[in-house]
Amino acid sequence: MTARMFNVVVGTWLVVSAYAWPHDERMLKATLACGLLIVALSIASLFSDRMPRYLTVGVALILVLFSAAHVGRHDPVLWNNVAVALVASATTLVRARGEPELAT
């Protein structure tokens, strides 16, 4: 499984996790939106290399910041969203064999 397809799975988990335990309305919407964006950008990165990958890291950062601002530090929503953001960011920057580096 390539890193891009793995991120599709990670984004899908984020969407599923929005319903796995209680979220307030803001966090539900943010979790769903970020999950769907990660899935869409991961699929787009199969066809275009740079921009979707950078945008995925941006979505992951927004997810962490929004989660940290809106839920308590012992809330499972925060820890799930932080874990997903870290995994999505790390795998987004993984290069497949033969792929050019991201640096311009």
C-alpha atoms as a PDB file:
ATOM      1  CA  MET A   1       0.000   0.000   0.000  1.00  0.00           C
ATOM      2  CA  THR A   2       1.424   3.333  -0.976  1.00  0.00           C
ATOM      3  CA  ALA A   3       1.642   6.247   1.433  1.00  0.00           C
ATOM      4  CA  ARG A   4      -1.028   8.092  -0.566  1.00  0.00           C
ATOM      5  CA  MET A   5      -3.510   5.236  -0.294  1.00  0.00           C
ATOM      6  CA  PHE A   6      -2.661   4.831   3.389  1.00  0.00           C
ATOM      7  CA  ASN A   7      -3.654   8.472   3.868  1.00  0.00           C
ATOM      8  CA  VAL A   8      -7.004   7.718   2.233  1.00  0.00           C
ATOM      9  CA  VAL A   9      -7.497   5.109   4.973  1.00  0.00           C
ATOM     10  CA  VAL A  10      -6.352   7.585   7.652  1.00  0.00           C
ATOM     11  CA  GLY A  11      -8.762  10.253   6.380  1.00  0.00           C
ATOM     12  CA  THR A  12     -11.558   7.706   6.244  1.00  0.00           C
ATOM     13  CA  TRP A  13     -10.821   6.766   9.864  1.00  0.00           C
ATOM     14  CA  LEU A  14     -11.107  10.434  10.807  1.00  0.00           C
ATOM     15  CA  VAL A  15     -14.566  10.592   9.215  1.00  0.00           C
ATOM     16  CA  VAL A  16     -15.631   7.366  10.978  1.00  0.00           C
ATOM     17  CA  SER A  17     -14.198   8.531  14.303  1.00  0.00           C
ATOM     18  CA  ALA A  18     -16.415  11.617  14.162  1.00  0.00           C
ATOM     19  CA  TYR A  19     -19.266   9.241  14.979  1.00  0.00           C
ATOM     20  CA  ALA A  20     -17.317   6.763  17.140  1.00  0.00           C
ATOM     21  CA  TRP A  21     -17.629   8.841  20.310  1.00  0.00           C
ATOM     22  CA  PRO A  22     -19.351  12.095  21.286  1.00  0.00           C
ATOM     23  CA  HIS A  23     -18.232  15.292  19.551  1.00  0.00           C
ATOM     24  CA  ASP A  24     -19.795  18.682  20.028  1.00  0.00           C
ATOM     25  CA  GLU A  25     -21.221  20.200  16.864  1.00  0.00           C
ATOM     26  CA  ARG A  26     -18.142  22.312  16.035  1.00  0.00           C
ATOM     27  CA  MET A  27     -15.739  19.398  16.464  1.00  0.00           C
ATOM     28  CA  LEU A  28     -18.003  17.059  14.512  1.00  0.00           C
ATOM     29  CA  LYS A  29     -18.003  19.435  11.546  1.00  0.00           C
ATOM     30  CA  ALA A  30     -14.269  20.126  11.789  1.00  0.00           C
ATOM     31  CA  THR A  31     -13.400  16.429  12.086  1.00  0.00           C
ATOM     32  CA  LEU A  32     -15.612  15.511   9.140  1.00  0.00           C
ATOM     33  CA  ALA A  33     -14.284  18.356   6.982  1.00  0.00           C
ATOM     34  CA  CYS A  34     -10.642  17.573   7.737  1.00  0.00           C
ATOM     35  CA  GLY A  35     -11.190  13.856   7.168  1.00  0.00           C
ATOM     36  CA  LEU A  36     -12.855  14.440   3.815  1.00  0.00           C
ATOM     37  CA  LEU A  37     -10.142  16.914   2.805  1.00  0.00           C
ATOM     38  CA  ILE A  38      -7.387  14.446   3.713  1.00  0.00           C
ATOM     39  CA  VAL A  39      -9.083  11.764   1.612  1.00  0.00           C
ATOM     40  CA  ALA A  40      -9.587  14.125  -1.357  1.00  0.00           C
ATOM     41  CA  LEU A  41      -6.060  15.545  -1.201  1.00  0.00           C
ATOM     42  CA  SER A  42      -4.533  12.083  -0.867  1.00  0.00           C
ATOM     43  CA  ILE A  43      -6.361  10.948  -3.989  1.00  0.00           C
ATOM     44  CA  ALA A  44      -5.359  14.156  -5.791  1.00  0.00           C
ATOM     45  CA  SER A  45      -1.711  13.589  -4.832  1.00  0.00           C
ATOM     46  CA  LEU A  46      -1.766  10.409  -6.915  1.00  0.00           C
ATOM     47  CA  PHE A  47      -2.107  12.627  -9.999  1.00  0.00           C
ATOM     48  CA  SER A  48      -0.304  15.821  -8.992  1.00  0.00           C
ATOM     49  CA  ASP A  49       2.602  15.625  -6.638  1.00  0.00           C
ATOM     50  CA  ARG A  50       3.371  18.813  -4.777  1.00  0.00           C
ATOM     51  CA  MET A  51       0.380  20.974  -3.993  1.00  0.00           C
ATOM     52  CA  PRO A  52      -2.013  18.330  -2.606  1.00  0.00           C
ATOM     53  CA  ARG A  53       0.736  16.975  -0.365  1.00  0.00           C
ATOM     54  CA  TYR A  54       1.527  20.387   1.092  1.00  0.00           C
ATOM     55  CA  LEU A  55      -2.163  21.106   1.558  1.00  0.00           C
ATOM     56  CA  THR A  56      -2.602  17.826   3.467  1.00  0.00           C
ATOM     57  CA  VAL A  57       0.016  18.961   5.975  1.00  0.00           C
ATOM     58  CA  GLY A  58      -1.869  22.263   6.280  1.00  0.00           C
ATOM     59  CA  VAL A  59      -5.165  20.459   6.912  1.00  0.00           C
ATOM     60  CA  ALA A  60      -3.468  18.331   9.560  1.00  0.00           C
ATOM     61  CA  LEU A  61      -2.110  21.446  11.283  1.00  0.00           C
ATOM     62  CA  ILE A  62      -5.542  23.084  11.238  1.00  0.00           C
ATOM     63  CA  LEU A  63      -7.043  19.895  12.698  1.00  0.00           C
ATOM     64  CA  VAL A  64      -4.579  19.928  15.605  1.00  0.00           C
ATOM     65  CA  LEU A  65      -4.973  23.637  16.313  1.00  0.00           C
ATOM     66  CA  PHE A  66      -8.774  23.549  16.137  1.00  0.00           C
ATOM     67  CA  SER A  67      -8.931  20.441  18.322  1.00  0.00           C
ATOM     68  CA  ALA A  68      -6.570  21.918  20.914  1.00  0.00           C
ATOM     69  CA  ALA A  69      -8.624  25.106  21.062  1.00  0.00           C
ATOM     70  CA  HIS A  70     -12.029  23.438  21.374  1.00  0.00           C
ATOM     71  CA  VAL A  71     -11.660  20.308  23.492  1.00  0.00           C
ATOM     72  CA  GLY A  72     -10.047  19.456  26.825  1.00  0.00           C
ATOM     73  CA  ARG A  73      -6.623  17.872  26.936  1.00  0.00           C
ATOM     74  CA  HIS A  74      -8.016  14.597  28.315  1.00  0.00           C
ATOM     75  CA  ASP A  75     -10.673  14.348  25.627  1.00  0.00           C
ATOM     76  CA  PRO A  76     -10.259  11.355  23.279  1.00  0.00           C
ATOM     77  CA  VAL A  77     -11.281  13.600  20.370  1.00  0.00           C
ATOM     78  CA  LEU A  78      -8.110  15.662  20.860  1.00  0.00           C
ATOM     79  CA  TRP A  79      -5.802  12.653  21.045  1.00  0.00           C
ATOM     80  CA  ASN A  80      -7.409  10.921  18.084  1.00  0.00           C
ATOM     81  CA  ASN A  81      -7.213  14.065  15.968  1.00  0.00           C
ATOM     82  CA  VAL A  82      -3.593  14.746  16.960  1.00  0.00           C
ATOM     83  CA  ALA A  83      -2.608  11.138  16.166  1.00  0.00           C
ATOM     84  CA  VAL A  84      -4.370  11.260  12.796  1.00  0.00           C
ATOM     85  CA  ALA A  85      -2.766  14.624  11.976  1.00  0.00           C
ATOM     86  CA  LEU A  86       0.717  13.325  12.804  1.00  0.00           C
ATOM     87  CA  VAL A  87       0.256  10.144  10.766  1.00  0.00           C
ATOM     88  CA  ALA A  88      -1.251  12.027   7.812  1.00  0.00           C
ATOM     89  CA  SER A  89       1.571  14.590   7.846  1.00  0.00           C
ATOM     90  CA  ALA A  90       4.300  11.978   8.110  1.00  0.00           C
ATOM     91  CA  THR A  91       2.948   9.723   5.384  1.00  0.00           C
ATOM     92  CA  THR A  92       2.188  12.668   3.127  1.00  0.00           C
ATOM     93  CA  LEU A  93       5.853  13.571   3.062  1.00  0.00           C
ATOM     94  CA  VAL A  94       7.042  10.013   2.351  1.00  0.00           C
ATOM     95  CA  ARG A  95       8.462   9.660  -1.103  1.00  0.00           C
ATOM     96  CA  ALA A  96       7.806   6.579  -3.241  1.00  0.00           C
ATOM     97  CA  ARG A  97      10.673   5.039  -5.186  1.00  0.00           C
ATOM     98  CA  GLY A  98      11.482   7.059  -8.235  1.00  0.00           C
ATOM     99  CA  GLU A  99       9.451  10.069  -7.101  1.00  0.00           C
ATOM    100  CA  PRO A 100      11.184  13.442  -7.231  1.00  0.00           C
ATOM    101  CA  GLU A 101      11.840  15.214  -3.954  1.00  0.00           C
ATOM    102  CA  LEU A 102       9.382  17.886  -2.869  1.00  0.00           C
ATOM    103  CA  ALA A 103      12.001  20.621  -2.643  1.00  0.00           C
ATOM    104  CA  THR A 104      11.983  22.948  -5.624  1.00  0.00           C
END
